[in-house]
Protein backbone atom coordinates (compact mmCIF):
# COMPACT_ATOMS: atom_id res chain seq x y z
CA MET A 1 22.59 18.17 -3.58
CA ASN A 2 19.84 20.69 -3.85
CA ILE A 3 16.15 19.96 -3.07
CA THR A 4 14.89 20.43 -6.70
CA ARG A 5 17.56 17.71 -7.98
CA THR A 6 16.58 15.31 -5.17
CA ILE A 7 12.87 15.63 -6.11
CA GLY A 8 13.50 15.30 -9.78
CA ILE A 9 15.63 11.96 -9.10
CA THR A 10 13.03 10.49 -6.69
CA LEU A 11 10.11 11.32 -9.14
CA GLY A 12 11.93 9.87 -12.11
CA THR A 13 12.93 6.84 -10.06
CA LEU A 14 9.17 6.33 -9.18
CA LEU A 15 8.15 6.80 -12.69
CA LEU A 16 10.56 4.07 -13.96
CA VAL A 17 9.52 1.70 -11.34
CA SER A 18 5.82 2.07 -11.83
CA GLY A 19 5.81 2.60 -15.49
CA PRO A 20 4.57 -0.80 -16.48
CA ALA A 21 1.89 -0.66 -13.82
CA LEU A 22 0.49 2.59 -15.40
CA ALA A 23 0.65 1.39 -19.02
CA LEU A 24 -2.55 1.12 -20.69
CA PRO A 25 -3.51 -2.39 -22.19
CA ALA A 26 -2.67 -2.93 -25.92
CA ALA A 27 -5.24 -1.53 -28.08
CA SER A 28 -5.61 -4.77 -30.02
CA ALA A 29 -6.36 -6.80 -26.93
CA ILE A 30 -9.69 -8.79 -27.30
CA ILE A 31 -11.50 -10.51 -24.63
CA SER A 32 -12.05 -14.33 -24.87
CA TRP A 33 -15.31 -15.77 -26.10
CA ARG A 34 -15.88 -17.08 -22.59
CA THR A 35 -15.53 -13.74 -21.11
CA ALA A 36 -18.14 -12.50 -23.76
CA ASP A 37 -20.31 -15.38 -22.74
CA ALA A 38 -20.25 -14.62 -19.05
CA VAL A 39 -21.02 -10.86 -19.85
CA ALA A 40 -23.92 -11.72 -22.01
CA ALA A 41 -25.31 -14.37 -19.44
CA GLU A 42 -25.39 -11.63 -16.72
CA ARG A 43 -27.68 -9.43 -18.94
CA VAL A 44 -29.80 -12.23 -20.36
CA PRO A 45 -30.52 -15.51 -18.63
CA GLY A 46 -30.74 -18.62 -20.57
CA ARG A 47 -28.90 -21.13 -22.51
CA ILE A 48 -26.18 -19.88 -24.84
CA LEU A 49 -26.58 -21.34 -28.14
CA ALA A 50 -23.65 -19.58 -30.15
CA THR A 51 -21.03 -16.84 -30.20
CA ARG A 52 -19.49 -15.16 -33.13
CA LEU A 53 -16.91 -12.52 -33.33
CA ASN A 54 -17.92 -9.93 -35.84
CA GLY A 55 -17.14 -6.36 -36.68
CA ASP A 56 -13.92 -4.99 -37.91
CA GLU A 57 -10.48 -4.42 -36.43
CA ALA A 58 -11.49 -1.05 -35.21
CA ARG A 59 -14.63 -2.26 -33.28
CA PRO A 60 -14.77 -6.07 -32.80
CA VAL A 61 -18.07 -7.31 -31.38
CA TYR A 62 -19.12 -10.68 -30.23
CA ASP A 63 -22.68 -11.56 -30.98
CA VAL A 64 -23.96 -14.13 -28.34
CA ALA A 65 -27.20 -16.09 -29.15
CA ILE A 66 -29.21 -17.03 -26.05
CA HIS A 67 -32.34 -19.24 -25.84
CA THR A 68 -34.34 -17.70 -22.83
CA PRO A 69 -36.45 -19.50 -20.41
CA GLY A 70 -39.35 -17.67 -22.08
CA ASP A 71 -38.67 -19.74 -25.39
CA ARG A 72 -37.25 -16.57 -27.19
CA LEU A 73 -33.99 -16.04 -28.99
CA GLU A 74 -32.08 -13.05 -27.88
CA GLU A 75 -28.75 -11.74 -29.36
CA VAL A 76 -26.39 -9.71 -27.00
CA GLN A 77 -23.72 -7.71 -28.46
CA VAL A 78 -20.76 -7.41 -26.48
CA ASP A 79 -17.92 -5.06 -27.16
CA ALA A 80 -14.72 -7.29 -27.73
CA ARG A 81 -12.36 -5.03 -26.21
CA THR A 82 -14.09 -3.46 -23.14
CA ALA A 83 -16.70 -6.35 -22.36
CA ILE A 84 -19.37 -3.73 -22.37
CA VAL A 85 -22.78 -4.84 -23.61
CA LEU A 86 -23.64 -2.65 -26.61
CA GLY A 87 -27.21 -4.01 -27.15
CA VAL A 88 -29.71 -6.67 -26.60
CA HIS A 89 -32.35 -7.65 -29.25
CA GLN A 90 -34.78 -10.44 -29.95
CA VAL A 91 -34.24 -12.55 -33.13
CA THR A 92 -37.63 -12.63 -34.78
CA GLU A 93 -36.64 -13.54 -38.34
CA PRO A 94 -35.89 -17.14 -39.47
CA GLY A 95 -32.07 -17.90 -40.00
CA ILE A 96 -29.27 -19.96 -38.88
CA ILE A 97 -27.30 -18.96 -35.57
CA GLY A 98 -24.44 -21.15 -35.28
CA GLU A 99 -25.72 -24.70 -35.52
CA ILE A 100 -29.12 -23.70 -34.35
CA GLU A 101 -32.12 -22.64 -36.46
CA ALA A 102 -33.83 -19.60 -35.20
CA PRO A 103 -37.53 -19.65 -34.78
């Protein structure tokens, strides 16, 4: 057996064995709302009031409403695929968030 064939067989075997480990996660995988809450709580301390999944199939986003110790209502947007915080903003206009009325 020549060296080229031996290397080719060895590399082919390695790729077959490690293939599943190298595979990327499915594009449609969405993190749980509990994960979104944990990510949001790391960014903004306080009591989580509501978590909603918004956006579309191409870019799903969790909106997490948090009542801060400073008596403000903050909304943290978390990417539902990557668990990255996309933005944080204070909710200032009256409305309903989940079951809680915003100030």
